[in-house]
Amino acid sequence: MSRDNKKNNVIMNEMITAREVRCTGDDGTNYGIISTADALSTADDLGLDLVLIAPDGKPPVAKIMDYGKFKYQQEKKKKEARKNQKVIVVKEIKLSVKIAENDIRYKVKHAREFLEAGHHVKFRVFLRGREMANPQAGVAVLKGVWPMIEDLAVMDKEPKLEGRYVNMMALPKKDEKH
């Protein structure tokens, strides 16, 4: 038994221990319920492998196929799926309740750059000590930031208290070109 089959737990050819199997062909041919020996000889005549598809079935279901080609196509599909996957980058902008107006503008400038690059932006206002008694001050800071970025962003998450932070999530607007 090769390492590849052991790793994927594929039962094929002589490893099939059932006396009979429900057999189908790669081309859609249905051989019905036949003995494993007959299925193996049929697969051998066609130059293909007998692969157990549903070992728990009564009787187990086997398919006559080119296993090497099948594995290759599966790997190709996985690579294609990975290629089409989009990685979402979340950038974080930290603010405080006592932040100065020019500091807010400076941080918003960076947030706008991130949004234009297609990144998600998470705004966080950290509440220190007694500021926890009035989390609305953190919400007010984020409500003040929103008008500065609303032309580029969609608010995914309203400003909300989570632990010691008031968080707001902004996503880039979808292009109207598509």
C-alpha atoms as a PDB file:
ATOM      1  CA  MET A   1       0.000   0.000   0.000  1.00  0.00           C
ATOM      2  CA  SER A   2       1.450   3.364  -1.008  1.00  0.00           C
ATOM      3  CA  ARG A   3       1.787   6.258   1.448  1.00  0.00           C
ATOM      4  CA  ASP A   4      -0.639   8.358  -0.616  1.00  0.00           C
ATOM      5  CA  ASN A   5      -3.472   5.847  -0.179  1.00  0.00           C
ATOM      6  CA  LYS A   6      -2.705   5.360   3.521  1.00  0.00           C
ATOM      7  CA  LYS A   7      -2.805   9.125   4.128  1.00  0.00           C
ATOM      8  CA  ASN A   8      -6.185   9.574   2.401  1.00  0.00           C
ATOM      9  CA  ASN A   9      -7.648   6.275   3.674  1.00  0.00           C
ATOM     10  CA  VAL A  10      -8.573   5.184   0.156  1.00  0.00           C
ATOM     11  CA  ILE A  11      -9.478   1.505  -0.147  1.00  0.00           C
ATOM     12  CA  MET A  12      -8.808   0.273  -3.646  1.00  0.00           C
ATOM     13  CA  ASN A  13      -8.046  -2.808  -5.783  1.00  0.00           C
ATOM     14  CA  GLU A  14      -6.808  -5.791  -3.708  1.00  0.00           C
ATOM     15  CA  MET A  15      -7.383  -3.950  -0.410  1.00  0.00           C
ATOM     16  CA  ILE A  16     -11.182  -4.346  -0.821  1.00  0.00           C
ATOM     17  CA  THR A  17     -12.242  -7.171   1.526  1.00  0.00           C
ATOM     18  CA  ALA A  18     -15.988  -7.306   0.812  1.00  0.00           C
ATOM     19  CA  ARG A  19     -17.215 -10.408  -1.050  1.00  0.00           C
ATOM     20  CA  GLU A  20     -19.407  -8.388  -3.406  1.00  0.00           C
ATOM     21  CA  VAL A  21     -19.782  -4.735  -4.358  1.00  0.00           C
ATOM     22  CA  ARG A  22     -22.259  -2.488  -6.138  1.00  0.00           C
ATOM     23  CA  CYS A  23     -20.092  -1.466  -9.063  1.00  0.00           C
ATOM     24  CA  THR A  24     -20.282   1.506 -11.415  1.00  0.00           C
ATOM     25  CA  GLY A  25     -17.948   2.596 -14.174  1.00  0.00           C
ATOM     26  CA  ASP A  26     -16.216   5.930 -14.643  1.00  0.00           C
ATOM     27  CA  ASP A  27     -18.252   6.441 -17.809  1.00  0.00           C
ATOM     28  CA  GLY A  28     -21.560   5.925 -15.955  1.00  0.00           C
ATOM     29  CA  THR A  29     -21.944   2.202 -16.747  1.00  0.00           C
ATOM     30  CA  ASN A  30     -23.800   0.391 -13.967  1.00  0.00           C
ATOM     31  CA  TYR A  31     -22.481  -3.154 -13.441  1.00  0.00           C
ATOM     32  CA  GLY A  32     -24.884  -3.869 -10.559  1.00  0.00           C
ATOM     33  CA  ILE A  33     -24.000  -6.055  -7.594  1.00  0.00           C
ATOM     34  CA  ILE A  34     -21.098  -8.310  -8.609  1.00  0.00           C
ATOM     35  CA  SER A  35     -18.386 -10.202  -6.770  1.00  0.00           C
ATOM     36  CA  THR A  36     -15.264  -8.222  -5.893  1.00  0.00           C
ATOM     37  CA  ALA A  37     -13.145 -10.604  -7.980  1.00  0.00           C
ATOM     38  CA  ASP A  38     -15.296  -9.927 -11.077  1.00  0.00           C
ATOM     39  CA  ALA A  39     -15.141  -6.164 -10.448  1.00  0.00           C
ATOM     40  CA  LEU A  40     -11.341  -6.348 -10.085  1.00  0.00           C
ATOM     41  CA  SER A  41     -10.964  -8.309 -13.311  1.00  0.00           C
ATOM     42  CA  THR A  42     -13.228  -5.856 -15.166  1.00  0.00           C
ATOM     43  CA  ALA A  43     -11.177  -2.914 -13.853  1.00  0.00           C
ATOM     44  CA  ASP A  44      -7.952  -4.738 -14.780  1.00  0.00           C
ATOM     45  CA  ASP A  45      -9.244  -5.429 -18.329  1.00  0.00           C
ATOM     46  CA  LEU A  46     -10.000  -1.709 -18.719  1.00  0.00           C
ATOM     47  CA  GLY A  47      -6.611  -0.756 -17.239  1.00  0.00           C
ATOM     48  CA  LEU A  48      -8.272   1.126 -14.404  1.00  0.00           C
ATOM     49  CA  ASP A  49      -8.548   0.889 -10.592  1.00  0.00           C
ATOM     50  CA  LEU A  50     -11.429  -0.357  -8.461  1.00  0.00           C
ATOM     51  CA  VAL A  51     -11.946   2.270  -5.747  1.00  0.00           C
ATOM     52  CA  LEU A  52     -14.300   1.863  -2.787  1.00  0.00           C
ATOM     53  CA  ILE A  53     -16.524   4.965  -2.746  1.00  0.00           C
ATOM     54  CA  ALA A  54     -19.004   4.072   0.049  1.00  0.00           C
ATOM     55  CA  PRO A  55     -17.509   1.329   2.244  1.00  0.00           C
ATOM     56  CA  ASP A  56     -20.428   1.482   4.713  1.00  0.00           C
ATOM     57  CA  GLY A  57     -23.069   0.638   2.099  1.00  0.00           C
ATOM     58  CA  LYS A  58     -24.871  -2.733   1.944  1.00  0.00           C
ATOM     59  CA  PRO A  59     -23.211  -3.941  -0.256  1.00  0.00           C
ATOM     60  CA  PRO A  60     -20.277  -1.459  -0.420  1.00  0.00           C
ATOM     61  CA  VAL A  61     -20.196   0.815  -3.479  1.00  0.00           C
ATOM     62  CA  ALA A  62     -17.114   0.690  -5.705  1.00  0.00           C
ATOM     63  CA  LYS A  63     -16.238   2.632  -8.826  1.00  0.00           C
ATOM     64  CA  ILE A  64     -13.976   1.660 -11.704  1.00  0.00           C
ATOM     65  CA  MET A  65     -11.831   4.727 -12.432  1.00  0.00           C
ATOM     66  CA  ASP A  66      -8.342   5.972 -13.222  1.00  0.00           C
ATOM     67  CA  TYR A  67      -7.365   6.851  -9.655  1.00  0.00           C
ATOM     68  CA  GLY A  68      -4.223   8.772 -10.638  1.00  0.00           C
ATOM     69  CA  LYS A  69      -6.224  11.005 -12.984  1.00  0.00           C
ATOM     70  CA  PHE A  70      -8.919  11.438 -10.323  1.00  0.00           C
ATOM     71  CA  LYS A  71      -6.331  12.551  -7.700  1.00  0.00           C
ATOM     72  CA  TYR A  72      -4.752  14.951 -10.215  1.00  0.00           C
ATOM     73  CA  GLN A  73      -8.130  16.566 -10.982  1.00  0.00           C
ATOM     74  CA  GLN A  74      -8.929  16.897  -7.255  1.00  0.00           C
ATOM     75  CA  GLU A  75      -5.589  18.650  -6.620  1.00  0.00           C
ATOM     76  CA  LYS A  76      -6.179  20.914  -9.617  1.00  0.00           C
ATOM     77  CA  LYS A  77      -9.610  21.917  -8.252  1.00  0.00           C
ATOM     78  CA  LYS A  78      -8.109  22.667  -4.818  1.00  0.00           C
ATOM     79  CA  LYS A  79      -5.383  24.858  -6.360  1.00  0.00           C
ATOM     80  CA  GLU A  80      -7.962  26.709  -8.464  1.00  0.00           C
ATOM     81  CA  ALA A  81     -10.123  27.324  -5.381  1.00  0.00           C
ATOM     82  CA  ARG A  82      -7.107  28.672  -3.471  1.00  0.00           C
ATOM     83  CA  LYS A  83      -6.213  30.932  -6.391  1.00  0.00           C
ATOM     84  CA  ASN A  84      -9.715  32.447  -6.475  1.00  0.00           C
ATOM     85  CA  GLN A  85      -9.802  32.976  -2.715  1.00  0.00           C
ATOM     86  CA  LYS A  86      -9.667  36.592  -1.594  1.00  0.00           C
ATOM     87  CA  VAL A  87      -7.734  37.389   1.568  1.00  0.00           C
ATOM     88  CA  ILE A  88      -9.487  39.971   3.717  1.00  0.00           C
ATOM     89  CA  VAL A  89      -7.125  42.309   5.530  1.00  0.00           C
ATOM     90  CA  VAL A  90      -8.473  44.074   8.610  1.00  0.00           C
ATOM     91  CA  LYS A  91      -6.585  47.214   9.584  1.00  0.00           C
ATOM     92  CA  GLU A  92      -7.069  48.563  13.080  1.00  0.00           C
ATOM     93  CA  ILE A  93      -7.172  52.240  14.020  1.00  0.00           C
ATOM     94  CA  LYS A  94      -6.900  52.929  17.752  1.00  0.00           C
ATOM     95  CA  LEU A  95      -8.399  56.078  19.201  1.00  0.00           C
ATOM     96  CA  SER A  96      -9.068  57.382  22.700  1.00  0.00           C
ATOM     97  CA  VAL A  97     -11.837  59.407  24.295  1.00  0.00           C
ATOM     98  CA  LYS A  98      -9.546  62.429  24.839  1.00  0.00           C
ATOM     99  CA  ILE A  99      -8.103  62.460  21.295  1.00  0.00           C
ATOM    100  CA  ALA A 100      -7.449  65.845  19.686  1.00  0.00           C
ATOM    101  CA  GLU A 101      -9.240  66.840  16.480  1.00  0.00           C
ATOM    102  CA  ASN A 102      -6.032  66.978  14.392  1.00  0.00           C
ATOM    103  CA  ASP A 103      -5.074  63.463  15.628  1.00  0.00           C
ATOM    104  CA  ILE A 104      -8.479  62.188  14.504  1.00  0.00           C
ATOM    105  CA  ARG A 105      -7.960  63.740  11.049  1.00  0.00           C
ATOM    106  CA  TYR A 106      -4.489  62.152  10.805  1.00  0.00           C
ATOM    107  CA  LYS A 107      -5.833  58.686  11.723  1.00  0.00           C
ATOM    108  CA  VAL A 108      -8.833  59.074   9.405  1.00  0.00           C
ATOM    109  CA  LYS A 109      -6.418  59.924   6.558  1.00  0.00           C
ATOM    110  CA  HIS A 110      -4.774  56.521   7.097  1.00  0.00           C
ATOM    111  CA  ALA A 111      -8.164  54.816   7.348  1.00  0.00           C
ATOM    112  CA  ARG A 112      -9.184  56.338   4.007  1.00  0.00           C
ATOM    113  CA  GLU A 113      -5.971  54.991   2.424  1.00  0.00           C
ATOM    114  CA  PHE A 114      -6.751  51.513   3.789  1.00  0.00           C
ATOM    115  CA  LEU A 115     -10.348  51.667   2.501  1.00  0.00           C
ATOM    116  CA  GLU A 116      -9.164  52.804  -0.951  1.00  0.00           C
ATOM    117  CA  ALA A 117      -6.786  49.818  -0.992  1.00  0.00           C
ATOM    118  CA  GLY A 118      -9.800  47.557  -0.346  1.00  0.00           C
ATOM    119  CA  HIS A 119      -8.993  46.704   3.291  1.00  0.00           C
ATOM    120  CA  HIS A 120     -11.523  46.497   6.116  1.00  0.00           C
ATOM    121  CA  VAL A 121     -10.951  49.008   8.907  1.00  0.00           C
ATOM    122  CA  LYS A 122     -11.747  48.442  12.570  1.00  0.00           C
ATOM    123  CA  PHE A 123     -11.904  51.550  14.717  1.00  0.00           C
ATOM    124  CA  ARG A 124     -11.296  50.987  18.437  1.00  0.00           C
ATOM    125  CA  VAL A 125     -11.682  53.491  21.255  1.00  0.00           C
ATOM    126  CA  PHE A 126      -9.972  52.260  24.433  1.00  0.00           C
ATOM    127  CA  LEU A 127     -11.745  53.250  27.638  1.00  0.00           C
ATOM    128  CA  ARG A 128      -9.400  53.869  30.584  1.00  0.00           C
ATOM    129  CA  GLY A 129     -10.355  53.836  34.254  1.00  0.00           C
ATOM    130  CA  ARG A 130     -13.323  56.127  34.882  1.00  0.00           C
ATOM    131  CA  GLU A 131     -14.068  56.381  31.157  1.00  0.00           C
ATOM    132  CA  MET A 132     -15.705  52.944  31.561  1.00  0.00           C
ATOM    133  CA  ALA A 133     -18.500  54.656  33.510  1.00  0.00           C
ATOM    134  CA  ASN A 134     -19.403  56.639  30.388  1.00  0.00           C
ATOM    135  CA  PRO A 135     -18.922  54.452  27.267  1.00  0.00           C
ATOM    136  CA  GLN A 136     -21.103  56.906  25.308  1.00  0.00           C
ATOM    137  CA  ALA A 137     -18.038  59.157  25.073  1.00  0.00           C
ATOM    138  CA  GLY A 138     -16.301  56.439  23.007  1.00  0.00           C
ATOM    139  CA  VAL A 139     -19.378  56.021  20.829  1.00  0.00           C
ATOM    140  CA  ALA A 140     -19.414  59.814  20.311  1.00  0.00           C
ATOM    141  CA  VAL A 141     -15.779  59.734  19.077  1.00  0.00           C
ATOM    142  CA  LEU A 142     -16.651  57.028  16.530  1.00  0.00           C
ATOM    143  CA  LYS A 143     -19.829  58.849  15.468  1.00  0.00           C
ATOM    144  CA  GLY A 144     -17.584  61.864  14.803  1.00  0.00           C
ATOM    145  CA  VAL A 145     -15.208  59.752  12.686  1.00  0.00           C
ATOM    146  CA  TRP A 146     -17.956  58.206  10.534  1.00  0.00           C
ATOM    147  CA  PRO A 147     -18.865  61.351   8.465  1.00  0.00           C
ATOM    148  CA  MET A 148     -15.197  61.625   7.446  1.00  0.00           C
ATOM    149  CA  ILE A 149     -15.153  58.178   5.809  1.00  0.00           C
ATOM    150  CA  GLU A 150     -18.768  57.475   4.826  1.00  0.00           C
ATOM    151  CA  ASP A 151     -18.134  58.392   1.162  1.00  0.00           C
ATOM    152  CA  LEU A 152     -15.664  55.458   0.915  1.00  0.00           C
ATOM    153  CA  ALA A 153     -17.100  52.984   3.407  1.00  0.00           C
ATOM    154  CA  VAL A 154     -20.102  51.005   4.510  1.00  0.00           C
ATOM    155  CA  MET A 155     -20.621  50.614   8.249  1.00  0.00           C
ATOM    156  CA  ASP A 156     -20.539  46.871   8.906  1.00  0.00           C
ATOM    157  CA  LYS A 157     -20.813  47.169  12.659  1.00  0.00           C
ATOM    158  CA  GLU A 158     -22.339  50.080  14.578  1.00  0.00           C
ATOM    159  CA  PRO A 159     -20.201  51.499  17.421  1.00  0.00           C
ATOM    160  CA  LYS A 160     -20.620  49.003  20.244  1.00  0.00           C
ATOM    161  CA  LEU A 161     -19.035  48.478  23.670  1.00  0.00           C
ATOM    162  CA  GLU A 162     -17.028  45.240  23.833  1.00  0.00           C
ATOM    163  CA  GLY A 163     -15.070  44.900  27.064  1.00  0.00           C
ATOM    164  CA  ARG A 164     -12.881  48.001  27.481  1.00  0.00           C
ATOM    165  CA  TYR A 165     -13.204  48.944  23.809  1.00  0.00           C
ATOM    166  CA  VAL A 166     -15.893  50.640  21.747  1.00  0.00           C
ATOM    167  CA  ASN A 167     -15.544  49.083  18.287  1.00  0.00           C
ATOM    168  CA  MET A 168     -16.837  50.062  14.854  1.00  0.00           C
ATOM    169  CA  MET A 169     -16.164  48.170  11.619  1.00  0.00           C
ATOM    170  CA  ALA A 170     -16.021  49.888   8.215  1.00  0.00           C
ATOM    171  CA  LEU A 171     -15.901  48.001   4.912  1.00  0.00           C
ATOM    172  CA  PRO A 172     -14.903  49.511   1.559  1.00  0.00           C
ATOM    173  CA  LYS A 173     -17.841  50.287  -0.732  1.00  0.00           C
ATOM    174  CA  LYS A 174     -18.196  47.906  -3.666  1.00  0.00           C
ATOM    175  CA  ASP A 175     -17.188  49.327  -7.036  1.00  0.00           C
ATOM    176  CA  GLU A 176     -20.158  50.394  -9.144  1.00  0.00           C
ATOM    177  CA  LYS A 177     -18.209  49.296 -12.258  1.00  0.00           C
ATOM    178  CA  HIS A 178     -19.058  45.598 -11.825  1.00  0.00           C
END
